[in-house]
N, C-alpha and C. Protein backbone atom coordinates (compact mmCIF):
# COMPACT_ATOMS: atom_id res chain seq x y z
N MET A 1 101.05 68.51 107.88
CA MET A 1 102.49 68.72 107.89
C MET A 1 102.95 69.36 109.20
N LYS A 2 101.98 69.83 110.00
CA LYS A 2 102.36 70.46 111.26
C LYS A 2 102.87 69.41 112.24
N GLU A 3 103.90 69.83 112.98
CA GLU A 3 104.43 68.95 114.01
C GLU A 3 103.46 68.96 115.19
N PRO A 4 103.38 67.85 115.94
CA PRO A 4 102.47 67.81 117.09
C PRO A 4 102.71 68.98 118.05
N LEU A 5 103.96 69.39 118.21
CA LEU A 5 104.32 70.48 119.10
C LEU A 5 103.61 71.78 118.71
N LEU A 6 103.35 71.97 117.40
CA LEU A 6 102.83 73.23 116.91
C LEU A 6 101.31 73.28 116.78
N GLN A 7 100.63 72.16 116.92
CA GLN A 7 99.18 72.18 116.75
C GLN A 7 98.56 73.09 117.79
N GLY A 8 97.91 74.14 117.30
CA GLY A 8 97.28 75.10 118.19
C GLY A 8 98.25 76.05 118.86
N TYR A 9 99.53 75.94 118.57
CA TYR A 9 100.54 76.81 119.20
C TYR A 9 100.45 78.22 118.63
N ARG A 10 100.56 79.20 119.50
CA ARG A 10 100.66 80.60 119.12
C ARG A 10 101.76 81.21 120.00
N PRO A 11 102.73 81.89 119.40
CA PRO A 11 103.77 82.53 120.22
C PRO A 11 103.15 83.53 121.20
N SER A 12 103.73 83.63 122.36
CA SER A 12 103.22 84.60 123.35
C SER A 12 104.38 85.34 123.99
N GLU A 13 104.05 86.50 124.55
CA GLU A 13 105.05 87.34 125.22
C GLU A 13 105.58 86.69 126.50
N GLU A 14 104.84 85.69 127.02
CA GLU A 14 105.23 85.07 128.29
C GLU A 14 106.39 84.08 128.15
N GLU A 15 106.67 83.65 126.93
CA GLU A 15 107.75 82.66 126.75
C GLU A 15 109.02 83.36 126.26
N PRO A 16 110.16 82.68 126.39
CA PRO A 16 111.41 83.29 125.92
C PRO A 16 111.33 83.61 124.42
N PHE A 17 111.81 84.81 124.06
CA PHE A 17 111.72 85.27 122.69
C PHE A 17 112.57 84.38 121.77
N MET A 18 111.98 84.00 120.66
CA MET A 18 112.58 83.17 119.60
C MET A 18 113.15 81.87 120.13
N ASN A 19 112.39 81.23 121.04
CA ASN A 19 112.75 79.89 121.47
C ASN A 19 112.50 78.93 120.30
N THR A 20 112.81 77.68 120.48
CA THR A 20 112.69 76.69 119.41
C THR A 20 111.26 76.60 118.87
N SER A 21 110.27 76.63 119.76
CA SER A 21 108.88 76.56 119.31
C SER A 21 108.52 77.76 118.43
N MET A 22 108.94 78.93 118.84
CA MET A 22 108.67 80.15 118.06
C MET A 22 109.35 80.08 116.70
N GLN A 23 110.59 79.67 116.70
CA GLN A 23 111.32 79.56 115.43
C GLN A 23 110.63 78.57 114.50
N THR A 24 110.23 77.44 115.04
CA THR A 24 109.54 76.42 114.24
C THR A 24 108.22 76.96 113.72
N TYR A 25 107.49 77.67 114.57
CA TYR A 25 106.21 78.26 114.19
C TYR A 25 106.41 79.22 113.00
N PHE A 26 107.37 80.13 113.12
CA PHE A 26 107.58 81.11 112.05
C PHE A 26 108.16 80.45 110.79
N ARG A 27 108.98 79.43 110.97
CA ARG A 27 109.50 78.70 109.80
C ARG A 27 108.33 78.09 109.01
N HIS A 28 107.41 77.43 109.72
CA HIS A 28 106.24 76.83 109.05
C HIS A 28 105.37 77.90 108.39
N LYS A 29 105.19 79.01 109.08
CA LYS A 29 104.38 80.11 108.55
C LYS A 29 105.02 80.64 107.25
N LEU A 30 106.32 80.84 107.25
CA LEU A 30 107.03 81.34 106.07
C LEU A 30 107.00 80.32 104.93
N LEU A 31 107.21 79.05 105.25
CA LEU A 31 107.20 78.02 104.22
C LEU A 31 105.81 77.87 103.60
N ALA A 32 104.77 77.96 104.41
CA ALA A 32 103.40 77.87 103.88
C ALA A 32 103.12 79.06 102.97
N TRP A 33 103.55 80.24 103.37
CA TRP A 33 103.36 81.45 102.56
C TRP A 33 104.09 81.31 101.23
N ARG A 34 105.32 80.81 101.31
CA ARG A 34 106.14 80.61 100.10
C ARG A 34 105.47 79.60 99.16
N SER A 35 104.96 78.51 99.70
CA SER A 35 104.28 77.49 98.89
C SER A 35 103.06 78.07 98.19
N GLU A 36 102.30 78.87 98.91
CA GLU A 36 101.10 79.50 98.34
C GLU A 36 101.48 80.44 97.19
N ILE A 37 102.52 81.22 97.38
CA ILE A 37 102.96 82.13 96.31
C ILE A 37 103.42 81.34 95.09
N LEU A 38 104.17 80.28 95.31
CA LEU A 38 104.65 79.46 94.18
C LEU A 38 103.49 78.79 93.45
N ARG A 39 102.49 78.34 94.21
CA ARG A 39 101.31 77.73 93.60
C ARG A 39 100.60 78.76 92.72
N GLU A 40 100.39 79.96 93.26
CA GLU A 40 99.74 81.02 92.48
C GLU A 40 100.57 81.40 91.25
N SER A 41 101.87 81.41 91.41
CA SER A 41 102.76 81.75 90.31
C SER A 41 102.66 80.71 89.20
N ASN A 42 102.60 79.45 89.58
CA ASN A 42 102.45 78.38 88.58
C ASN A 42 101.12 78.49 87.86
N GLU A 43 100.07 78.87 88.59
CA GLU A 43 98.77 79.06 87.96
C GLU A 43 98.83 80.21 86.96
N THR A 44 99.55 81.27 87.32
CA THR A 44 99.70 82.42 86.42
C THR A 44 100.43 82.00 85.15
N ILE A 45 101.50 81.25 85.31
CA ILE A 45 102.26 80.79 84.14
C ILE A 45 101.37 79.95 83.24
N HIS A 46 100.62 79.03 83.86
CA HIS A 46 99.72 78.17 83.10
C HIS A 46 98.67 79.01 82.36
N HIS A 47 98.11 79.99 83.05
CA HIS A 47 97.09 80.87 82.47
C HIS A 47 97.68 81.67 81.29
N LEU A 48 98.89 82.19 81.48
CA LEU A 48 99.52 82.98 80.40
C LEU A 48 99.80 82.11 79.18
N GLN A 49 100.15 80.86 79.41
CA GLN A 49 100.42 79.95 78.29
C GLN A 49 99.14 79.57 77.57
N GLU A 50 98.02 79.51 78.30
CA GLU A 50 96.75 79.11 77.70
C GLU A 50 96.12 80.21 76.85
N THR A 51 96.27 81.46 77.31
CA THR A 51 95.59 82.55 76.61
C THR A 51 96.30 82.90 75.31
N SER A 52 95.52 83.16 74.33
CA SER A 52 96.05 83.48 73.02
C SER A 52 96.17 84.99 72.86
N THR A 53 97.25 85.42 72.26
CA THR A 53 97.43 86.84 71.98
C THR A 53 96.93 87.17 70.58
N HIS A 54 96.33 86.21 69.90
CA HIS A 54 95.88 86.41 68.52
C HIS A 54 94.38 86.69 68.47
N GLU A 55 93.93 87.61 69.31
CA GLU A 55 92.53 88.02 69.30
C GLU A 55 92.29 88.88 68.06
N PRO A 56 91.24 88.58 67.29
CA PRO A 56 90.98 89.37 66.09
C PRO A 56 90.55 90.80 66.40
N ASP A 57 89.83 90.99 67.50
CA ASP A 57 89.34 92.31 67.85
C ASP A 57 90.44 93.11 68.55
N LEU A 58 90.68 94.32 68.09
CA LEU A 58 91.74 95.16 68.64
C LEU A 58 91.51 95.48 70.12
N ALA A 59 90.27 95.76 70.51
CA ALA A 59 89.96 96.05 71.91
C ALA A 59 90.21 94.83 72.80
N ASP A 60 89.82 93.65 72.29
CA ASP A 60 90.06 92.41 73.06
C ASP A 60 91.55 92.17 73.23
N ARG A 61 92.30 92.41 72.16
CA ARG A 61 93.75 92.21 72.22
C ARG A 61 94.39 93.19 73.20
N ALA A 62 93.95 94.45 73.19
CA ALA A 62 94.48 95.46 74.12
C ALA A 62 94.16 95.08 75.56
N SER A 63 92.93 94.62 75.78
CA SER A 63 92.51 94.20 77.11
C SER A 63 93.36 93.01 77.59
N LEU A 64 93.58 92.06 76.70
CA LEU A 64 94.40 90.89 77.03
C LEU A 64 95.84 91.30 77.36
N GLU A 65 96.39 92.22 76.59
CA GLU A 65 97.76 92.69 76.85
C GLU A 65 97.85 93.40 78.20
N THR A 66 96.83 94.17 78.54
CA THR A 66 96.80 94.85 79.84
C THR A 66 96.76 93.81 80.96
N ASP A 67 95.92 92.80 80.80
CA ASP A 67 95.83 91.73 81.81
C ASP A 67 97.17 91.00 81.95
N ARG A 68 97.80 90.70 80.84
CA ARG A 68 99.10 90.00 80.87
C ARG A 68 100.15 90.85 81.58
N SER A 69 100.15 92.14 81.28
CA SER A 69 101.11 93.04 81.90
C SER A 69 100.92 93.09 83.41
N LEU A 70 99.67 93.16 83.83
CA LEU A 70 99.36 93.17 85.26
C LEU A 70 99.79 91.86 85.92
N GLU A 71 99.52 90.74 85.28
CA GLU A 71 99.93 89.44 85.83
C GLU A 71 101.44 89.34 85.94
N LEU A 72 102.16 89.85 84.95
CA LEU A 72 103.62 89.80 84.99
C LEU A 72 104.18 90.70 86.09
N ARG A 73 103.59 91.86 86.29
CA ARG A 73 104.03 92.74 87.39
C ARG A 73 103.77 92.07 88.73
N THR A 74 102.63 91.41 88.84
CA THR A 74 102.30 90.70 90.07
C THR A 74 103.31 89.58 90.32
N ARG A 75 103.64 88.85 89.28
CA ARG A 75 104.64 87.78 89.41
C ARG A 75 105.99 88.34 89.84
N ASP A 76 106.37 89.50 89.32
CA ASP A 76 107.64 90.11 89.69
C ASP A 76 107.63 90.47 91.18
N ARG A 77 106.51 91.03 91.66
CA ARG A 77 106.40 91.34 93.09
C ARG A 77 106.48 90.06 93.92
N GLN A 78 105.84 89.00 93.43
CA GLN A 78 105.88 87.72 94.14
C GLN A 78 107.30 87.15 94.18
N ARG A 79 108.03 87.32 93.09
CA ARG A 79 109.43 86.84 93.05
C ARG A 79 110.26 87.56 94.11
N LYS A 80 110.05 88.87 94.24
CA LYS A 80 110.77 89.65 95.26
C LYS A 80 110.34 89.22 96.66
N LEU A 81 109.07 88.92 96.82
CA LEU A 81 108.56 88.48 98.12
C LEU A 81 109.17 87.13 98.50
N ILE A 82 109.30 86.24 97.54
CA ILE A 82 109.93 84.93 97.81
C ILE A 82 111.38 85.12 98.27
N ALA A 83 112.08 86.06 97.65
CA ALA A 83 113.46 86.34 98.08
C ALA A 83 113.49 86.82 99.53
N LYS A 84 112.50 87.64 99.92
CA LYS A 84 112.43 88.12 101.30
C LYS A 84 112.08 86.97 102.26
N ILE A 85 111.21 86.08 101.82
CA ILE A 85 110.86 84.92 102.64
C ILE A 85 112.08 84.03 102.82
N ASP A 86 112.82 83.80 101.73
CA ASP A 86 114.04 82.99 101.82
C ASP A 86 115.06 83.63 102.77
N ALA A 87 115.17 84.96 102.71
CA ALA A 87 116.10 85.66 103.61
C ALA A 87 115.65 85.49 105.06
N ALA A 88 114.34 85.54 105.31
CA ALA A 88 113.81 85.34 106.68
C ALA A 88 114.12 83.92 107.16
N LEU A 89 113.96 82.94 106.27
CA LEU A 89 114.29 81.55 106.64
C LEU A 89 115.78 81.41 106.97
N GLU A 90 116.62 82.11 106.23
CA GLU A 90 118.07 82.10 106.53
C GLU A 90 118.33 82.71 107.90
N ARG A 91 117.62 83.80 108.22
CA ARG A 91 117.80 84.43 109.53
C ARG A 91 117.38 83.48 110.66
N ILE A 92 116.34 82.68 110.40
CA ILE A 92 115.96 81.68 111.41
C ILE A 92 117.12 80.71 111.62
N ASP A 93 117.71 80.23 110.51
CA ASP A 93 118.84 79.30 110.61
C ASP A 93 120.03 79.92 111.33
N GLU A 94 120.23 81.23 111.11
CA GLU A 94 121.37 81.92 111.72
C GLU A 94 121.10 82.36 113.16
N GLY A 95 119.83 82.30 113.57
CA GLY A 95 119.48 82.73 114.92
C GLY A 95 119.27 84.23 115.05
N THR A 96 119.13 84.95 113.93
CA THR A 96 118.92 86.41 113.98
C THR A 96 117.49 86.80 113.65
N TYR A 97 116.65 85.83 113.34
CA TYR A 97 115.26 86.12 112.98
C TYR A 97 114.53 86.73 114.16
N GLY A 98 113.72 87.74 113.86
CA GLY A 98 112.90 88.35 114.90
C GLY A 98 113.57 89.50 115.61
N TYR A 99 114.81 89.79 115.24
CA TYR A 99 115.54 90.88 115.86
C TYR A 99 115.75 92.00 114.84
N CYS A 100 115.57 93.23 115.27
CA CYS A 100 115.69 94.39 114.41
C CYS A 100 117.11 94.51 113.87
N GLU A 101 117.22 94.73 112.56
CA GLU A 101 118.54 94.89 111.93
C GLU A 101 119.25 96.15 112.39
N GLU A 102 118.51 97.17 112.80
CA GLU A 102 119.13 98.42 113.24
C GLU A 102 119.47 98.44 114.72
N THR A 103 118.54 97.96 115.54
CA THR A 103 118.71 98.10 116.99
C THR A 103 119.08 96.80 117.69
N ALA A 104 118.91 95.68 117.01
CA ALA A 104 119.13 94.34 117.56
C ALA A 104 118.13 94.00 118.66
N GLU A 105 117.12 94.83 118.83
CA GLU A 105 116.04 94.57 119.80
C GLU A 105 115.04 93.60 119.17
N PRO A 106 114.31 92.84 119.98
CA PRO A 106 113.28 91.96 119.44
C PRO A 106 112.19 92.76 118.71
N ILE A 107 111.75 92.23 117.58
CA ILE A 107 110.61 92.79 116.86
C ILE A 107 109.37 92.23 117.54
N SER A 108 108.34 93.04 117.73
CA SER A 108 107.16 92.56 118.45
C SER A 108 106.53 91.36 117.74
N LEU A 109 105.97 90.46 118.54
CA LEU A 109 105.32 89.28 117.98
C LEU A 109 104.14 89.68 117.10
N LYS A 110 103.41 90.73 117.48
CA LYS A 110 102.28 91.19 116.66
C LYS A 110 102.78 91.59 115.27
N ARG A 111 103.91 92.28 115.21
CA ARG A 111 104.47 92.70 113.92
C ARG A 111 104.91 91.48 113.11
N LEU A 112 105.56 90.54 113.77
CA LEU A 112 106.02 89.33 113.06
C LEU A 112 104.84 88.48 112.58
N GLU A 113 103.76 88.45 113.35
CA GLU A 113 102.57 87.73 112.92
C GLU A 113 102.00 88.37 111.65
N ALA A 114 101.94 89.71 111.66
CA ALA A 114 101.37 90.44 110.52
C ALA A 114 102.31 90.46 109.32
N ARG A 115 103.61 90.54 109.58
CA ARG A 115 104.60 90.63 108.51
C ARG A 115 105.82 89.78 108.90
N PRO A 116 105.73 88.47 108.67
CA PRO A 116 106.80 87.57 109.12
C PRO A 116 108.16 87.81 108.45
N ILE A 117 108.20 88.65 107.42
CA ILE A 117 109.48 88.96 106.77
C ILE A 117 110.10 90.25 107.30
N ALA A 118 109.47 90.84 108.33
CA ALA A 118 109.95 92.11 108.89
C ALA A 118 111.39 91.98 109.36
N THR A 119 112.18 93.01 109.06
CA THR A 119 113.58 93.04 109.50
C THR A 119 113.83 94.20 110.46
N LEU A 120 112.83 95.07 110.60
CA LEU A 120 112.96 96.23 111.48
C LEU A 120 111.82 96.25 112.48
N SER A 121 112.10 96.74 113.67
CA SER A 121 111.03 96.94 114.65
C SER A 121 110.12 98.03 114.10
N LEU A 122 108.95 98.15 114.66
CA LEU A 122 108.01 99.16 114.20
C LEU A 122 108.61 100.56 114.30
N GLU A 123 109.29 100.84 115.41
CA GLU A 123 109.90 102.16 115.60
C GLU A 123 110.97 102.42 114.55
N ALA A 124 111.82 101.44 114.31
CA ALA A 124 112.90 101.59 113.31
C ALA A 124 112.31 101.74 111.91
N GLN A 125 111.23 101.00 111.62
CA GLN A 125 110.58 101.09 110.31
C GLN A 125 109.99 102.49 110.11
N GLU A 126 109.35 103.01 111.15
CA GLU A 126 108.78 104.36 111.05
C GLU A 126 109.87 105.39 110.85
N ARG A 127 110.99 105.26 111.56
CA ARG A 127 112.13 106.17 111.39
C ARG A 127 112.65 106.10 109.96
N HIS A 128 112.78 104.88 109.47
CA HIS A 128 113.27 104.65 108.10
C HIS A 128 112.34 105.31 107.08
N GLU A 129 111.03 105.16 107.27
CA GLU A 129 110.07 105.76 106.34
C GLU A 129 110.08 107.28 106.41
N ARG A 130 110.25 107.84 107.63
CA ARG A 130 110.35 109.30 107.75
C ARG A 130 111.57 109.81 107.00
N MET A 131 112.69 109.10 107.13
CA MET A 131 113.92 109.50 106.43
C MET A 131 113.72 109.42 104.92
N GLU A 132 113.05 108.38 104.46
CA GLU A 132 112.78 108.25 103.02
C GLU A 132 111.94 109.41 102.51
N ARG A 133 110.91 109.76 103.26
CA ARG A 133 110.04 110.88 102.86
C ARG A 133 110.84 112.19 102.84
N THR A 134 111.68 112.39 103.83
CA THR A 134 112.49 113.61 103.91
C THR A 134 113.41 113.72 102.70
N HIS A 135 114.06 112.61 102.36
CA HIS A 135 115.00 112.63 101.22
C HIS A 135 114.26 112.70 99.89
N ARG A 136 113.07 112.15 99.83
CA ARG A 136 112.30 112.20 98.59
C ARG A 136 111.82 113.62 98.32
N ASP A 137 111.52 114.35 99.40
CA ASP A 137 111.05 115.73 99.26
C ASP A 137 112.15 116.70 98.85
N ASP A 138 113.40 116.31 99.02
CA ASP A 138 114.53 117.19 98.66
C ASP A 138 114.65 117.41 97.18
């Protein structure tokens, strides 16, 4: 599914930030991540439908309920992650992807590679987390 332009392509600091190739690269990266999450989610749904909650043994039933609860929490986190991926794809369409929401400065390529849904530069994220800790301690 990769376009010929992207085969072996890796964004670099030497090219203009968020040029067409970079945008296409991150769009594909986000879409692949989204597809993987949806595939895993469908497997979870299938697994939950297959397993029976009518275990005769109380310990087995408790264990099964714990597993189901964990799977449902994981699915909820995945649902939130998909929303963040969709928001990142919208930012690509709007031309704001890769730029910090607070400072409007470019987010480093290393950060975007590691966390393609990032909306804050590393410095802004650290500031945000320090503020959260300060307010949580109050």
